[in-house]
Amino acid sequence: MSSVFVISDDEFETQVLNAEKPVLAYFWAPWCGPCKLVSPSMDWIALEYSDRLKVVKMEIDPNPISVKLYKVEGVPAIRLFKGSEIVLAHEGAITKQKLISLLDEHL
C-alpha cells in the first residue's frame, strides 16, 4: 500500500506548505511515459522515508495553478519543500538511486 497523498491545487497549501515535515511533491500526467517509470520509486520513497518525509502526487493537467506557481515545465517533476521553500527541484525521469541520493543530501 502506498502512503503517497494525491492532492489538488485546493489542497496544496494545507498538504505541502503547512506540513510539519518536508514534502516531496511529485508532478505527473497519465499520458507521460517516463512518469510510469518514476511512480514506483515515489511509492517506495513514501514508505521508506515516512518518518522524515511526506510524499504528495499531483496530476498536472487538472491543477494548473500549482504547476505555474512552482514552474513545472516538464513531467515527471519533483519539488522538495521545507515549509514554503523549494530546496530541491528536478524535471525528467530519475532513477530510484539518484532520487535517494538527492533526498539524502537535503534531509
N, C-alpha and C. Protein backbone atom coordinates (compact mmCIF):
# COMPACT_ATOMS: atom_id res chain seq x y z
N MET A 1 0.84 -1.19 0.00
CA MET A 1 0.00 0.00 0.00
C MET A 1 0.88 1.25 0.00
N SER A 2 0.51 2.20 -0.79
CA SER A 2 1.28 3.43 -0.91
C SER A 2 0.84 4.45 0.13
N SER A 3 1.78 5.23 0.60
CA SER A 3 1.43 6.33 1.50
C SER A 3 1.64 7.66 0.80
N VAL A 4 1.46 7.64 -0.53
CA VAL A 4 1.54 8.85 -1.32
C VAL A 4 0.16 9.50 -1.28
N PHE A 5 0.11 10.79 -0.96
CA PHE A 5 -1.14 11.51 -0.91
C PHE A 5 -1.40 12.15 -2.27
N VAL A 6 -2.58 11.91 -2.84
CA VAL A 6 -2.96 12.54 -4.09
C VAL A 6 -3.65 13.85 -3.74
N ILE A 7 -3.13 14.96 -4.28
CA ILE A 7 -3.67 16.27 -3.92
C ILE A 7 -4.03 17.08 -5.16
N SER A 8 -4.74 18.18 -4.92
CA SER A 8 -5.13 19.11 -5.98
C SER A 8 -4.66 20.51 -5.61
N ASP A 9 -4.85 21.46 -6.52
CA ASP A 9 -4.49 22.85 -6.25
C ASP A 9 -5.07 23.33 -4.92
N ASP A 10 -6.33 23.00 -4.67
CA ASP A 10 -7.02 23.47 -3.46
C ASP A 10 -6.37 22.97 -2.17
N GLU A 11 -5.69 21.84 -2.23
CA GLU A 11 -5.10 21.24 -1.04
C GLU A 11 -3.61 21.55 -0.88
N PHE A 12 -3.01 22.20 -1.88
CA PHE A 12 -1.55 22.37 -1.89
C PHE A 12 -1.04 23.09 -0.65
N GLU A 13 -1.64 24.19 -0.32
CA GLU A 13 -1.17 24.96 0.84
C GLU A 13 -1.23 24.14 2.12
N THR A 14 -2.35 23.48 2.36
CA THR A 14 -2.52 22.70 3.58
C THR A 14 -1.60 21.49 3.60
N GLN A 15 -1.56 20.73 2.51
CA GLN A 15 -0.82 19.46 2.48
C GLN A 15 0.69 19.63 2.31
N VAL A 16 1.12 20.72 1.67
CA VAL A 16 2.54 20.89 1.37
C VAL A 16 3.15 22.04 2.17
N LEU A 17 2.67 23.25 1.94
CA LEU A 17 3.31 24.42 2.54
C LEU A 17 3.17 24.46 4.06
N ASN A 18 2.07 23.92 4.59
CA ASN A 18 1.84 23.93 6.04
C ASN A 18 2.17 22.60 6.71
N ALA A 19 2.81 21.70 6.00
CA ALA A 19 3.14 20.38 6.56
C ALA A 19 4.21 20.50 7.63
N GLU A 20 4.18 19.59 8.58
CA GLU A 20 5.14 19.62 9.67
C GLU A 20 6.51 19.09 9.26
N LYS A 21 6.54 18.17 8.29
CA LYS A 21 7.82 17.65 7.82
C LYS A 21 8.05 18.10 6.37
N PRO A 22 9.26 17.90 5.86
CA PRO A 22 9.49 18.21 4.45
C PRO A 22 8.53 17.42 3.56
N VAL A 23 8.21 17.98 2.40
CA VAL A 23 7.27 17.33 1.48
C VAL A 23 7.91 17.20 0.11
N LEU A 24 7.86 15.99 -0.43
CA LEU A 24 8.29 15.74 -1.80
C LEU A 24 7.04 15.77 -2.66
N ALA A 25 6.93 16.79 -3.51
CA ALA A 25 5.78 16.91 -4.41
C ALA A 25 6.18 16.31 -5.76
N TYR A 26 5.39 15.36 -6.22
CA TYR A 26 5.64 14.67 -7.48
C TYR A 26 4.57 15.09 -8.47
N PHE A 27 4.97 15.76 -9.53
CA PHE A 27 4.06 16.23 -10.58
C PHE A 27 4.13 15.24 -11.73
N TRP A 28 2.95 14.80 -12.21
CA TRP A 28 2.91 13.76 -13.22
C TRP A 28 1.72 13.96 -14.15
N ALA A 29 1.62 13.11 -15.16
CA ALA A 29 0.48 13.11 -16.08
C ALA A 29 0.23 11.68 -16.55
N PRO A 30 -1.04 11.31 -16.75
CA PRO A 30 -1.34 9.94 -17.17
C PRO A 30 -0.81 9.61 -18.57
N TRP A 31 -0.60 10.62 -19.40
CA TRP A 31 -0.10 10.41 -20.76
C TRP A 31 1.42 10.39 -20.83
N CYS A 32 2.09 10.55 -19.70
CA CYS A 32 3.55 10.66 -19.63
C CYS A 32 4.20 9.29 -19.41
N GLY A 33 4.92 8.80 -20.43
CA GLY A 33 5.60 7.51 -20.32
C GLY A 33 6.62 7.46 -19.20
N PRO A 34 7.55 8.43 -19.11
CA PRO A 34 8.53 8.40 -18.03
C PRO A 34 7.90 8.44 -16.63
N CYS A 35 6.72 9.05 -16.51
CA CYS A 35 6.04 9.09 -15.21
C CYS A 35 5.72 7.68 -14.73
N LYS A 36 5.37 6.80 -15.67
CA LYS A 36 5.06 5.42 -15.31
C LYS A 36 6.29 4.70 -14.75
N LEU A 37 7.46 5.13 -15.19
CA LEU A 37 8.70 4.53 -14.68
C LEU A 37 9.08 5.08 -13.31
N VAL A 38 8.76 6.34 -13.06
CA VAL A 38 9.16 7.00 -11.81
C VAL A 38 8.17 6.72 -10.67
N SER A 39 6.90 6.51 -10.99
CA SER A 39 5.88 6.32 -9.96
C SER A 39 6.20 5.24 -8.92
N PRO A 40 6.72 4.06 -9.31
CA PRO A 40 7.05 3.07 -8.28
C PRO A 40 8.12 3.56 -7.30
N SER A 41 9.06 4.37 -7.78
CA SER A 41 10.07 4.93 -6.88
C SER A 41 9.44 5.87 -5.87
N MET A 42 8.44 6.64 -6.30
CA MET A 42 7.75 7.55 -5.37
C MET A 42 7.03 6.75 -4.28
N ASP A 43 6.40 5.65 -4.68
CA ASP A 43 5.72 4.80 -3.69
C ASP A 43 6.74 4.25 -2.69
N TRP A 44 7.89 3.82 -3.18
CA TRP A 44 8.94 3.28 -2.32
C TRP A 44 9.46 4.35 -1.37
N ILE A 45 9.72 5.55 -1.89
CA ILE A 45 10.21 6.66 -1.06
C ILE A 45 9.18 6.98 0.03
N ALA A 46 7.90 7.02 -0.34
CA ALA A 46 6.85 7.34 0.63
C ALA A 46 6.85 6.35 1.79
N LEU A 47 7.11 5.09 1.51
CA LEU A 47 7.15 4.09 2.57
C LEU A 47 8.45 4.15 3.36
N GLU A 48 9.57 4.18 2.67
CA GLU A 48 10.87 4.10 3.33
C GLU A 48 11.26 5.38 4.08
N TYR A 49 10.77 6.52 3.62
CA TYR A 49 11.13 7.80 4.24
C TYR A 49 9.98 8.39 5.05
N SER A 50 8.98 7.60 5.35
CA SER A 50 7.76 8.11 6.00
C SER A 50 8.03 8.78 7.35
N ASP A 51 9.12 8.41 8.01
CA ASP A 51 9.43 9.00 9.31
C ASP A 51 9.97 10.43 9.19
N ARG A 52 10.46 10.82 8.01
CA ARG A 52 11.03 12.17 7.88
C ARG A 52 10.58 12.94 6.65
N LEU A 53 9.63 12.38 5.90
CA LEU A 53 9.22 13.00 4.65
C LEU A 53 7.79 12.60 4.31
N LYS A 54 7.05 13.54 3.76
CA LYS A 54 5.71 13.27 3.24
C LYS A 54 5.80 13.35 1.71
N VAL A 55 5.13 12.44 1.02
CA VAL A 55 5.14 12.44 -0.44
C VAL A 55 3.73 12.72 -0.94
N VAL A 56 3.61 13.73 -1.81
CA VAL A 56 2.33 14.04 -2.44
C VAL A 56 2.48 13.92 -3.95
N LYS A 57 1.38 13.57 -4.59
CA LYS A 57 1.36 13.36 -6.03
C LYS A 57 0.29 14.27 -6.62
N MET A 58 0.66 15.00 -7.66
CA MET A 58 -0.28 15.94 -8.27
C MET A 58 -0.28 15.78 -9.78
N GLU A 59 -1.45 15.49 -10.32
CA GLU A 59 -1.60 15.41 -11.77
C GLU A 59 -1.60 16.84 -12.33
N ILE A 60 -0.79 17.09 -13.36
CA ILE A 60 -0.60 18.47 -13.80
C ILE A 60 -1.79 19.08 -14.54
N ASP A 61 -2.44 18.31 -15.41
CA ASP A 61 -3.49 18.91 -16.26
C ASP A 61 -4.65 19.52 -15.47
N PRO A 62 -5.18 18.85 -14.44
CA PRO A 62 -6.28 19.47 -13.69
C PRO A 62 -5.84 20.47 -12.63
N ASN A 63 -4.54 20.70 -12.49
CA ASN A 63 -4.03 21.56 -11.42
C ASN A 63 -3.06 22.63 -11.94
N PRO A 64 -3.53 23.51 -12.83
CA PRO A 64 -2.63 24.47 -13.47
C PRO A 64 -2.06 25.53 -12.52
N ILE A 65 -2.73 25.81 -11.42
CA ILE A 65 -2.25 26.86 -10.52
C ILE A 65 -0.91 26.46 -9.90
N SER A 66 -0.84 25.28 -9.32
CA SER A 66 0.41 24.82 -8.69
C SER A 66 1.50 24.61 -9.73
N VAL A 67 1.12 24.09 -10.89
CA VAL A 67 2.09 23.86 -11.97
C VAL A 67 2.76 25.17 -12.36
N LYS A 68 1.97 26.22 -12.50
CA LYS A 68 2.51 27.53 -12.88
C LYS A 68 3.32 28.13 -11.73
N LEU A 69 2.77 28.08 -10.53
CA LEU A 69 3.40 28.69 -9.37
C LEU A 69 4.78 28.10 -9.08
N TYR A 70 4.91 26.78 -9.27
CA TYR A 70 6.17 26.11 -8.94
C TYR A 70 6.98 25.76 -10.19
N LYS A 71 6.64 26.44 -11.30
CA LYS A 71 7.42 26.41 -12.54
C LYS A 71 7.70 24.99 -13.04
N VAL A 72 6.65 24.17 -13.05
CA VAL A 72 6.79 22.82 -13.59
C VAL A 72 6.67 22.93 -15.11
N GLU A 73 7.76 22.66 -15.81
CA GLU A 73 7.77 22.80 -17.26
C GLU A 73 7.77 21.47 -17.98
N GLY A 74 8.03 20.40 -17.28
CA GLY A 74 8.02 19.07 -17.88
C GLY A 74 7.72 18.04 -16.80
N VAL A 75 7.23 16.90 -17.22
CA VAL A 75 6.94 15.82 -16.27
C VAL A 75 7.70 14.57 -16.69
N PRO A 76 8.03 13.73 -15.74
CA PRO A 76 7.79 13.88 -14.31
C PRO A 76 8.66 15.00 -13.72
N ALA A 77 8.16 15.59 -12.65
CA ALA A 77 8.90 16.64 -11.95
C ALA A 77 8.75 16.44 -10.46
N ILE A 78 9.80 16.78 -9.73
CA ILE A 78 9.72 16.74 -8.27
C ILE A 78 10.16 18.08 -7.71
N ARG A 79 9.56 18.43 -6.60
CA ARG A 79 9.95 19.61 -5.83
C ARG A 79 9.97 19.17 -4.38
N LEU A 80 11.08 19.43 -3.70
CA LEU A 80 11.16 19.13 -2.27
C LEU A 80 10.97 20.43 -1.51
N PHE A 81 9.94 20.48 -0.69
CA PHE A 81 9.61 21.66 0.08
C PHE A 81 9.99 21.47 1.54
N LYS A 82 10.59 22.50 2.11
CA LYS A 82 10.74 22.60 3.56
C LYS A 82 10.01 23.88 3.92
N GLY A 83 8.81 23.72 4.47
CA GLY A 83 7.92 24.87 4.65
C GLY A 83 7.49 25.34 3.27
N SER A 84 7.60 26.62 3.03
CA SER A 84 7.19 27.14 1.71
C SER A 84 8.38 27.28 0.76
N GLU A 85 9.56 26.82 1.20
CA GLU A 85 10.77 26.95 0.38
C GLU A 85 11.05 25.67 -0.40
N ILE A 86 11.36 25.82 -1.69
CA ILE A 86 11.78 24.69 -2.50
C ILE A 86 13.28 24.52 -2.32
N VAL A 87 13.70 23.37 -1.81
CA VAL A 87 15.12 23.13 -1.58
C VAL A 87 15.72 22.19 -2.63
N LEU A 88 14.85 21.57 -3.44
CA LEU A 88 15.30 20.67 -4.49
C LEU A 88 14.26 20.67 -5.60
N ALA A 89 14.72 20.83 -6.84
CA ALA A 89 13.82 20.75 -7.99
C ALA A 89 14.48 19.88 -9.05
N HIS A 90 13.71 19.00 -9.65
CA HIS A 90 14.22 18.13 -10.72
C HIS A 90 13.09 17.86 -11.69
N GLU A 91 13.41 17.87 -12.98
CA GLU A 91 12.44 17.51 -14.00
C GLU A 91 13.02 16.43 -14.88
N GLY A 92 12.15 15.54 -15.32
CA GLY A 92 12.57 14.43 -16.16
C GLY A 92 12.66 13.15 -15.36
N ALA A 93 12.81 12.05 -16.07
CA ALA A 93 12.91 10.75 -15.41
C ALA A 93 14.13 10.73 -14.49
N ILE A 94 13.99 10.01 -13.39
CA ILE A 94 15.06 9.91 -12.40
C ILE A 94 15.05 8.50 -11.85
N THR A 95 16.24 7.93 -11.68
CA THR A 95 16.31 6.58 -11.11
C THR A 95 16.06 6.64 -9.61
N LYS A 96 15.67 5.52 -9.06
CA LYS A 96 15.43 5.47 -7.62
C LYS A 96 16.71 5.80 -6.86
N GLN A 97 17.85 5.29 -7.34
CA GLN A 97 19.13 5.54 -6.66
C GLN A 97 19.48 7.02 -6.67
N LYS A 98 19.27 7.69 -7.80
CA LYS A 98 19.56 9.13 -7.90
C LYS A 98 18.62 9.92 -6.99
N LEU A 99 17.36 9.52 -6.95
CA LEU A 99 16.38 10.18 -6.08
C LEU A 99 16.79 10.04 -4.61
N ILE A 100 17.19 8.84 -4.23
CA ILE A 100 17.64 8.61 -2.85
C ILE A 100 18.83 9.51 -2.53
N SER A 101 19.78 9.57 -3.45
CA SER A 101 20.97 10.39 -3.26
C SER A 101 20.60 11.86 -3.08
N LEU A 102 19.71 12.38 -3.92
CA LEU A 102 19.28 13.78 -3.81
C LEU A 102 18.56 14.04 -2.49
N LEU A 103 17.66 13.13 -2.12
CA LEU A 103 16.92 13.32 -0.87
C LEU A 103 17.84 13.28 0.34
N ASP A 104 18.79 12.35 0.33
CA ASP A 104 19.70 12.23 1.46
C ASP A 104 20.56 13.48 1.63
N GLU A 105 20.83 14.18 0.55
CA GLU A 105 21.58 15.44 0.63
C GLU A 105 20.78 16.54 1.34
N HIS A 106 19.45 16.48 1.22
CA HIS A 106 18.60 17.57 1.68
C HIS A 106 17.80 17.27 2.94
N LEU A 107 17.83 16.05 3.40
CA LEU A 107 17.04 15.73 4.60
C LEU A 107 17.93 15.57 5.83
